[in-house]
Amino acid sequence: MSKKKEAAQEPGRLIYCGPNIPGGALQRYTVFKGGLPAHLELVFEKYPAAKSLIVPVGELARVEQAVRTKGTPENTAFGEVLKGGV
């Protein structure tokens, strides 16, 4: 099995598929292993839609397509984060 396939199938690896959040709070395509860091709770307070854009690595392609498709929940969430959150 290739390393890419192993990474995509490894449980507990999550990736953020949303836009960069100002101040370096959360960058697009950041990968998290073993859960989310506690400091992200502050980010989610201001940008609640960002939480829905953190998905298992294996779902990256699907979510990327959904972000580009107008009217999907992922597209809506991406737009909300771009507008500045709450």
PDB file of N, CA and C in Angstrom:
ATOM      1  N   MET A   1       0.858  -1.185   0.000  1.00  0.00           N
ATOM      2  CA  MET A   1       0.000   0.000   0.000  1.00  0.00           C
ATOM      3  C   MET A   1       0.896   1.237   0.000  1.00  0.00           C
ATOM      4  N   SER A   2       0.539   2.249  -0.789  1.00  0.00           N
ATOM      5  CA  SER A   2       1.352   3.462  -0.867  1.00  0.00           C
ATOM      6  C   SER A   2       1.209   4.284   0.405  1.00  0.00           C
ATOM      7  N   LYS A   3       2.186   5.151   0.638  1.00  0.00           N
ATOM      8  CA  LYS A   3       2.137   6.002   1.835  1.00  0.00           C
ATOM      9  C   LYS A   3       0.923   6.921   1.781  1.00  0.00           C
ATOM     10  N   LYS A   4       0.559   7.408   0.592  1.00  0.00           N
ATOM     11  CA  LYS A   4      -0.619   8.277   0.478  1.00  0.00           C
ATOM     12  C   LYS A   4      -1.876   7.543   0.921  1.00  0.00           C
ATOM     13  N   LYS A   5      -2.048   6.320   0.473  1.00  0.00           N
ATOM     14  CA  LYS A   5      -3.237   5.556   0.848  1.00  0.00           C
ATOM     15  C   LYS A   5      -3.235   5.271   2.344  1.00  0.00           C
ATOM     16  N   GLU A   6      -2.067   4.967   2.904  1.00  0.00           N
ATOM     17  CA  GLU A   6      -1.984   4.715   4.337  1.00  0.00           C
ATOM     18  C   GLU A   6      -2.383   5.967   5.115  1.00  0.00           C
ATOM     19  N   ALA A   7      -1.893   7.127   4.677  1.00  0.00           N
ATOM     20  CA  ALA A   7      -2.219   8.382   5.366  1.00  0.00           C
ATOM     21  C   ALA A   7      -3.706   8.672   5.278  1.00  0.00           C
ATOM     22  N   ALA A   8      -4.302   8.415   4.128  1.00  0.00           N
ATOM     23  CA  ALA A   8      -5.723   8.697   3.944  1.00  0.00           C
ATOM     24  C   ALA A   8      -6.590   7.759   4.784  1.00  0.00           C
ATOM     25  N   GLN A   9      -6.097   6.556   5.049  1.00  0.00           N
ATOM     26  CA  GLN A   9      -6.903   5.589   5.781  1.00  0.00           C
ATOM     27  C   GLN A   9      -6.607   5.569   7.277  1.00  0.00           C
ATOM     28  N   GLU A  10      -5.549   6.237   7.691  1.00  0.00           N
ATOM     29  CA  GLU A  10      -5.192   6.227   9.110  1.00  0.00           C
ATOM     30  C   GLU A  10      -6.262   6.938   9.925  1.00  0.00           C
ATOM     31  N   PRO A  11      -6.838   6.256  10.913  1.00  0.00           N
ATOM     32  CA  PRO A  11      -7.877   6.885  11.730  1.00  0.00           C
ATOM     33  C   PRO A  11      -7.289   8.000  12.589  1.00  0.00           C
ATOM     34  N   GLY A  12      -8.099   8.992  12.849  1.00  0.00           N
ATOM     35  CA  GLY A  12      -7.668  10.065  13.730  1.00  0.00           C
ATOM     36  C   GLY A  12      -6.977  11.212  13.030  1.00  0.00           C
ATOM     37  N   ARG A  13      -6.745  11.134  11.735  1.00  0.00           N
ATOM     38  CA  ARG A  13      -6.122  12.233  10.999  1.00  0.00           C
ATOM     39  C   ARG A  13      -7.227  13.076  10.372  1.00  0.00           C
ATOM     40  N   LEU A  14      -7.228  14.350  10.727  1.00  0.00           N
ATOM     41  CA  LEU A  14      -8.244  15.287  10.238  1.00  0.00           C
ATOM     42  C   LEU A  14      -7.556  16.396   9.471  1.00  0.00           C
ATOM     43  N   ILE A  15      -8.270  16.991   8.522  1.00  0.00           N
ATOM     44  CA  ILE A  15      -7.720  18.081   7.727  1.00  0.00           C
ATOM     45  C   ILE A  15      -8.741  19.213   7.654  1.00  0.00           C
ATOM     46  N   TYR A  16      -8.239  20.439   7.723  1.00  0.00           N
ATOM     47  CA  TYR A  16      -9.098  21.631   7.624  1.00  0.00           C
ATOM     48  C   TYR A  16      -9.171  22.041   6.164  1.00  0.00           C
ATOM     49  N   CYS A  17     -10.381  22.116   5.616  1.00  0.00           N
ATOM     50  CA  CYS A  17     -10.608  22.408   4.202  1.00  0.00           C
ATOM     51  C   CYS A  17     -11.158  23.808   3.961  1.00  0.00           C
ATOM     52  N   GLY A  18     -11.164  24.643   4.973  1.00  0.00           N
ATOM     53  CA  GLY A  18     -11.702  25.991   4.832  1.00  0.00           C
ATOM     54  C   GLY A  18     -10.628  26.997   4.465  1.00  0.00           C
ATOM     55  N   PRO A  19     -11.026  28.254   4.345  1.00  0.00           N
ATOM     56  CA  PRO A  19     -10.065  29.307   4.022  1.00  0.00           C
ATOM     57  C   PRO A  19      -9.166  29.619   5.220  1.00  0.00           C
ATOM     58  N   ASN A  20      -8.025  30.242   4.947  1.00  0.00           N
ATOM     59  CA  ASN A  20      -7.149  30.674   6.032  1.00  0.00           C
ATOM     60  C   ASN A  20      -7.904  31.643   6.932  1.00  0.00           C
ATOM     61  N   ILE A  21      -7.702  31.499   8.221  1.00  0.00           N
ATOM     62  CA  ILE A  21      -8.316  32.409   9.189  1.00  0.00           C
ATOM     63  C   ILE A  21      -7.249  33.417   9.597  1.00  0.00           C
ATOM     64  N   PRO A  22      -7.590  34.707   9.579  1.00  0.00           N
ATOM     65  CA  PRO A  22      -6.597  35.752   9.866  1.00  0.00           C
ATOM     66  C   PRO A  22      -5.834  35.528  11.169  1.00  0.00           C
ATOM     67  N   GLY A  23      -4.603  35.990  11.148  1.00  0.00           N
ATOM     68  CA  GLY A  23      -3.765  35.894  12.332  1.00  0.00           C
ATOM     69  C   GLY A  23      -3.108  34.537  12.507  1.00  0.00           C
ATOM     70  N   GLY A  24      -3.237  33.671  11.517  1.00  0.00           N
ATOM     71  CA  GLY A  24      -2.625  32.352  11.598  1.00  0.00           C
ATOM     72  C   GLY A  24      -3.329  31.394  12.536  1.00  0.00           C
ATOM     73  N   ALA A  25      -4.562  31.732  12.917  1.00  0.00           N
ATOM     74  CA  ALA A  25      -5.306  30.888  13.859  1.00  0.00           C
ATOM     75  C   ALA A  25      -5.576  29.498  13.292  1.00  0.00           C
ATOM     76  N   LEU A  26      -5.818  29.422  11.976  1.00  0.00           N
ATOM     77  CA  LEU A  26      -6.086  28.148  11.318  1.00  0.00           C
ATOM     78  C   LEU A  26      -5.814  28.321   9.831  1.00  0.00           C
ATOM     79  N   GLN A  27      -4.939  27.487   9.308  1.00  0.00           N
ATOM     80  CA  GLN A  27      -4.555  27.567   7.908  1.00  0.00           C
ATOM     81  C   GLN A  27      -5.180  26.426   7.111  1.00  0.00           C
ATOM     82  N   ARG A  28      -5.527  26.718   5.874  1.00  0.00           N
ATOM     83  CA  ARG A  28      -6.117  25.715   4.992  1.00  0.00           C
ATOM     84  C   ARG A  28      -5.176  24.526   4.846  1.00  0.00           C
ATOM     85  N   TYR A  29      -5.736  23.354   4.845  1.00  0.00           N
ATOM     86  CA  TYR A  29      -5.044  22.072   4.694  1.00  0.00           C
ATOM     87  C   TYR A  29      -4.157  21.707   5.880  1.00  0.00           C
ATOM     88  N   THR A  30      -4.395  22.305   7.041  1.00  0.00           N
ATOM     89  CA  THR A  30      -3.692  21.866   8.242  1.00  0.00           C
ATOM     90  C   THR A  30      -4.206  20.480   8.612  1.00  0.00           C
ATOM     91  N   VAL A  31      -3.284  19.560   8.908  1.00  0.00           N
ATOM     92  CA  VAL A  31      -3.653  18.194   9.283  1.00  0.00           C
ATOM     93  C   VAL A  31      -3.456  18.038  10.784  1.00  0.00           C
ATOM     94  N   PHE A  32      -4.428  17.427  11.424  1.00  0.00           N
ATOM     95  CA  PHE A  32      -4.392  17.177  12.863  1.00  0.00           C
ATOM     96  C   PHE A  32      -4.375  15.674  13.087  1.00  0.00           C
ATOM     97  N   LYS A  33      -3.513  15.237  13.976  1.00  0.00           N
ATOM     98  CA  LYS A  33      -3.422  13.813  14.298  1.00  0.00           C
ATOM     99  C   LYS A  33      -3.777  13.637  15.772  1.00  0.00           C
ATOM    100  N   GLY A  34      -4.714  12.743  16.042  1.00  0.00           N
ATOM    101  CA  GLY A  34      -5.075  12.456  17.428  1.00  0.00           C
ATOM    102  C   GLY A  34      -6.021  13.472  18.038  1.00  0.00           C
ATOM    103  N   GLY A  35      -6.838  14.108  17.226  1.00  0.00           N
ATOM    104  CA  GLY A  35      -7.814  15.062  17.744  1.00  0.00           C
ATOM    105  C   GLY A  35      -7.417  16.504  17.477  1.00  0.00           C
ATOM    106  N   LEU A  36      -8.289  17.398  17.886  1.00  0.00           N
ATOM    107  CA  LEU A  36      -8.063  18.827  17.654  1.00  0.00           C
ATOM    108  C   LEU A  36      -7.438  19.473  18.881  1.00  0.00           C
ATOM    109  N   PRO A  37      -6.517  20.424  18.676  1.00  0.00           N
ATOM    110  CA  PRO A  37      -5.917  21.123  19.813  1.00  0.00           C
ATOM    111  C   PRO A  37      -6.945  22.004  20.524  1.00  0.00           C
ATOM    112  N   ALA A  38      -6.759  22.179  21.802  1.00  0.00           N
ATOM    113  CA  ALA A  38      -7.701  22.929  22.629  1.00  0.00           C
ATOM    114  C   ALA A  38      -7.850  24.384  22.182  1.00  0.00           C
ATOM    115  N   HIS A  39      -6.796  24.999  21.659  1.00  0.00           N
ATOM    116  CA  HIS A  39      -6.879  26.410  21.288  1.00  0.00           C
ATOM    117  C   HIS A  39      -7.874  26.665  20.150  1.00  0.00           C
ATOM    118  N   LEU A  40      -8.256  25.634  19.429  1.00  0.00           N
ATOM    119  CA  LEU A  40      -9.218  25.827  18.340  1.00  0.00           C
ATOM    120  C   LEU A  40     -10.614  26.157  18.857  1.00  0.00           C
ATOM    121  N   GLU A  41     -10.908  25.862  20.107  1.00  0.00           N
ATOM    122  CA  GLU A  41     -12.219  26.218  20.660  1.00  0.00           C
ATOM    123  C   GLU A  41     -12.456  27.722  20.546  1.00  0.00           C
ATOM    124  N   LEU A  42     -11.413  28.525  20.752  1.00  0.00           N
ATOM    125  CA  LEU A  42     -11.538  29.980  20.600  1.00  0.00           C
ATOM    126  C   LEU A  42     -11.811  30.358  19.151  1.00  0.00           C
ATOM    127  N   VAL A  43     -11.180  29.657  18.231  1.00  0.00           N
ATOM    128  CA  VAL A  43     -11.419  29.900  16.803  1.00  0.00           C
ATOM    129  C   VAL A  43     -12.866  29.561  16.458  1.00  0.00           C
ATOM    130  N   PHE A  44     -13.366  28.436  16.972  1.00  0.00           N
ATOM    131  CA  PHE A  44     -14.728  28.009  16.661  1.00  0.00           C
ATOM    132  C   PHE A  44     -15.783  28.928  17.266  1.00  0.00           C
ATOM    133  N   GLU A  45     -15.437  29.637  18.337  1.00  0.00           N
ATOM    134  CA  GLU A  45     -16.370  30.611  18.902  1.00  0.00           C
ATOM    135  C   GLU A  45     -16.620  31.750  17.918  1.00  0.00           C
ATOM    136  N   LYS A  46     -15.565  32.201  17.244  1.00  0.00           N
ATOM    137  CA  LYS A  46     -15.695  33.300  16.287  1.00  0.00           C
ATOM    138  C   LYS A  46     -16.091  32.800  14.896  1.00  0.00           C
ATOM    139  N   TYR A  47     -15.624  31.612  14.533  1.00  0.00           N
ATOM    140  CA  TYR A  47     -15.872  31.030  13.210  1.00  0.00           C
ATOM    141  C   TYR A  47     -16.509  29.651  13.381  1.00  0.00           C
ATOM    142  N   PRO A  48     -17.753  29.576  13.827  1.00  0.00           N
ATOM    143  CA  PRO A  48     -18.358  28.257  14.087  1.00  0.00           C
ATOM    144  C   PRO A  48     -18.416  27.359  12.850  1.00  0.00           C
ATOM    145  N   ALA A  49     -18.543  27.937  11.677  1.00  0.00           N
ATOM    146  CA  ALA A  49     -18.628  27.131  10.451  1.00  0.00           C
ATOM    147  C   ALA A  49     -17.309  26.430  10.142  1.00  0.00           C
ATOM    148  N   ALA A  50     -16.207  26.922  10.678  1.00  0.00           N
ATOM    149  CA  ALA A  50     -14.905  26.309  10.423  1.00  0.00           C
ATOM    150  C   ALA A  50     -14.852  24.875  10.926  1.00  0.00           C
ATOM    151  N   LYS A  51     -15.558  24.606  12.003  1.00  0.00           N
ATOM    152  CA  LYS A  51     -15.541  23.258  12.586  1.00  0.00           C
ATOM    153  C   LYS A  51     -16.095  22.224  11.604  1.00  0.00           C
ATOM    154  N   SER A  52     -17.086  22.611  10.816  1.00  0.00           N
ATOM    155  CA  SER A  52     -17.671  21.667   9.857  1.00  0.00           C
ATOM    156  C   SER A  52     -16.757  21.417   8.663  1.00  0.00           C
ATOM    157  N   LEU A  53     -15.706  22.220   8.539  1.00  0.00           N
ATOM    158  CA  LEU A  53     -14.766  22.051   7.435  1.00  0.00           C
ATOM    159  C   LEU A  53     -13.518  21.269   7.848  1.00  0.00           C
ATOM    160  N   ILE A  54     -13.554  20.682   9.031  1.00  0.00           N
ATOM    161  CA  ILE A  54     -12.497  19.781   9.477  1.00  0.00           C
ATOM    162  C   ILE A  54     -13.040  18.368   9.334  1.00  0.00           C
ATOM    163  N   VAL A  55     -12.415  17.602   8.460  1.00  0.00           N
ATOM    164  CA  VAL A  55     -12.933  16.285   8.093  1.00  0.00           C
ATOM    165  C   VAL A  55     -11.806  15.250   8.112  1.00  0.00           C
ATOM    166  N   PRO A  56     -12.152  13.976   8.136  1.00  0.00           N
ATOM    167  CA  PRO A  56     -11.119  12.945   8.000  1.00  0.00           C
ATOM    168  C   PRO A  56     -10.358  13.129   6.680  1.00  0.00           C
ATOM    169  N   VAL A  57      -9.065  12.872   6.701  1.00  0.00           N
ATOM    170  CA  VAL A  57      -8.222  13.074   5.526  1.00  0.00           C
ATOM    171  C   VAL A  57      -8.787  12.363   4.298  1.00  0.00           C
ATOM    172  N   GLY A  58      -9.358  11.204   4.480  1.00  0.00           N
ATOM    173  CA  GLY A  58      -9.905  10.440   3.362  1.00  0.00           C
ATOM    174  C   GLY A  58     -11.077  11.123   2.665  1.00  0.00           C
ATOM    175  N   GLU A  59     -11.675  12.134   3.290  1.00  0.00           N
ATOM    176  CA  GLU A  59     -12.806  12.847   2.698  1.00  0.00           C
ATOM    177  C   GLU A  59     -12.392  14.133   1.987  1.00  0.00           C
ATOM    178  N   LEU A  60     -11.093  14.410   1.928  1.00  0.00           N
ATOM    179  CA  LEU A  60     -10.613  15.672   1.357  1.00  0.00           C
ATOM    180  C   LEU A  60     -11.146  15.917  -0.048  1.00  0.00           C
ATOM    181  N   ALA A  61     -11.021  14.965  -0.951  1.00  0.00           N
ATOM    182  CA  ALA A  61     -11.462  15.173  -2.337  1.00  0.00           C
ATOM    183  C   ALA A  61     -12.954  15.488  -2.410  1.00  0.00           C
ATOM    184  N   ARG A  62     -13.758  14.753  -1.648  1.00  0.00           N
ATOM    185  CA  ARG A  62     -15.200  14.985  -1.662  1.00  0.00           C
ATOM    186  C   ARG A  62     -15.540  16.380  -1.146  1.00  0.00           C
ATOM    187  N   VAL A  63     -14.897  16.770  -0.048  1.00  0.00           N
ATOM    188  CA  VAL A  63     -15.181  18.072   0.544  1.00  0.00           C
ATOM    189  C   VAL A  63     -14.695  19.196  -0.358  1.00  0.00           C
ATOM    190  N   GLU A  64     -13.544  19.025  -0.990  1.00  0.00           N
ATOM    191  CA  GLU A  64     -13.050  20.042  -1.919  1.00  0.00           C
ATOM    192  C   GLU A  64     -14.054  20.263  -3.057  1.00  0.00           C
ATOM    193  N   GLN A  65     -14.615  19.195  -3.575  1.00  0.00           N
ATOM    194  CA  GLN A  65     -15.621  19.310  -4.635  1.00  0.00           C
ATOM    195  C   GLN A  65     -16.865  20.014  -4.098  1.00  0.00           C
ATOM    196  N   ALA A  66     -17.285  19.654  -2.894  1.00  0.00           N
ATOM    197  CA  ALA A  66     -18.483  20.253  -2.299  1.00  0.00           C
ATOM    198  C   ALA A  66     -18.279  21.741  -2.013  1.00  0.00           C
ATOM    199  N   VAL A  67     -17.078  22.128  -1.615  1.00  0.00           N
ATOM    200  CA  VAL A  67     -16.783  23.548  -1.360  1.00  0.00           C
ATOM    201  C   VAL A  67     -16.965  24.362  -2.636  1.00  0.00           C
ATOM    202  N   ARG A  68     -16.637  23.775  -3.777  1.00  0.00           N
ATOM    203  CA  ARG A  68     -16.751  24.475  -5.065  1.00  0.00           C
ATOM    204  C   ARG A  68     -18.156  24.421  -5.665  1.00  0.00           C
ATOM    205  N   THR A  69     -19.059  23.642  -5.039  1.00  0.00           N
ATOM    206  CA  THR A  69     -20.406  23.478  -5.572  1.00  0.00           C
ATOM    207  C   THR A  69     -21.376  24.382  -4.815  1.00  0.00           C
ATOM    208  N   LYS A  70     -21.902  25.370  -5.526  1.00  0.00           N
ATOM    209  CA  LYS A  70     -22.800  26.346  -4.908  1.00  0.00           C
ATOM    210  C   LYS A  70     -24.005  25.659  -4.285  1.00  0.00           C
ATOM    211  N   GLY A  71     -24.320  26.086  -3.056  1.00  0.00           N
ATOM    212  CA  GLY A  71     -25.504  25.593  -2.373  1.00  0.00           C
ATOM    213  C   GLY A  71     -25.267  24.421  -1.438  1.00  0.00           C
ATOM    214  N   THR A  72     -24.084  23.808  -1.481  1.00  0.00           N
ATOM    215  CA  THR A  72     -23.825  22.687  -0.566  1.00  0.00           C
ATOM    216  C   THR A  72     -23.529  23.237   0.825  1.00  0.00           C
ATOM    217  N   PRO A  73     -23.712  22.429   1.855  1.00  0.00           N
ATOM    218  CA  PRO A  73     -23.378  22.890   3.214  1.00  0.00           C
ATOM    219  C   PRO A  73     -21.908  23.308   3.330  1.00  0.00           C
ATOM    220  N   GLU A  74     -21.025  22.588   2.645  1.00  0.00           N
ATOM    221  CA  GLU A  74     -19.601  22.915   2.696  1.00  0.00           C
ATOM    222  C   GLU A  74     -19.318  24.261   2.031  1.00  0.00           C
ATOM    223  N   ASN A  75     -19.990  24.540   0.917  1.00  0.00           N
ATOM    224  CA  ASN A  75     -19.830  25.821   0.232  1.00  0.00           C
ATOM    225  C   ASN A  75     -20.333  26.961   1.108  1.00  0.00           C
ATOM    226  N   THR A  76     -21.452  26.751   1.757  1.00  0.00           N
ATOM    227  CA  THR A  76     -22.019  27.753   2.657  1.00  0.00           C
ATOM    228  C   THR A  76     -21.087  28.017   3.834  1.00  0.00           C
ATOM    229  N   ALA A  77     -20.557  26.952   4.433  1.00  0.00           N
ATOM    230  CA  ALA A  77     -19.653  27.091   5.570  1.00  0.00           C
ATOM    231  C   ALA A  77     -18.387  27.844   5.160  1.00  0.00           C
ATOM    232  N   PHE A  78     -17.837  27.519   4.000  1.00  0.00           N
ATOM    233  CA  PHE A  78     -16.643  28.187   3.499  1.00  0.00           C
ATOM    234  C   PHE A  78     -16.901  29.695   3.368  1.00  0.00           C
ATOM    235  N   GLY A  79     -18.062  30.040   2.801  1.00  0.00           N
ATOM    236  CA  GLY A  79     -18.430  31.447   2.645  1.00  0.00           C
ATOM    237  C   GLY A  79     -18.592  32.162   3.973  1.00  0.00           C
ATOM    238  N   GLU A  80     -19.157  31.488   4.959  1.00  0.00           N
ATOM    239  CA  GLU A  80     -19.335  32.092   6.281  1.00  0.00           C
ATOM    240  C   GLU A  80     -17.978  32.385   6.915  1.00  0.00           C
ATOM    241  N   VAL A  81     -17.032  31.480   6.781  1.00  0.00           N
ATOM    242  CA  VAL A  81     -15.692  31.700   7.339  1.00  0.00           C
ATOM    243  C   VAL A  81     -15.025  32.868   6.616  1.00  0.00           C
ATOM    244  N   LEU A  82     -15.174  32.911   5.295  1.00  0.00           N
ATOM    245  CA  LEU A  82     -14.592  34.026   4.516  1.00  0.00           C
ATOM    246  C   LEU A  82     -15.142  35.379   4.946  1.00  0.00           C
ATOM    247  N   LYS A  83     -16.430  35.403   5.307  1.00  0.00           N
ATOM    248  CA  LYS A  83     -17.064  36.668   5.708  1.00  0.00           C
ATOM    249  C   LYS A  83     -16.644  37.129   7.096  1.00  0.00           C
ATOM    250  N   GLY A  84     -15.936  36.296   7.822  1.00  0.00           N
ATOM    251  CA  GLY A  84     -15.466  36.709   9.129  1.00  0.00           C
ATOM    252  C   GLY A  84     -16.140  36.042  10.295  1.00  0.00           C
ATOM    253  N   GLY A  85     -16.833  34.980  10.060  1.00  0.00           N
ATOM    254  CA  GLY A  85     -17.420  34.234  11.173  1.00  0.00           C
ATOM    255  C   GLY A  85     -18.719  34.816  11.676  1.00  0.00           C
ATOM    256  N   VAL A  86     -18.881  34.772  12.989  1.00  0.00           N
ATOM    257  CA  VAL A  86     -20.134  35.140  13.653  1.00  0.00           C
ATOM    258  C   VAL A  86     -20.563  36.547  13.291  1.00  0.00           C
TER     259      VAL A  86
END
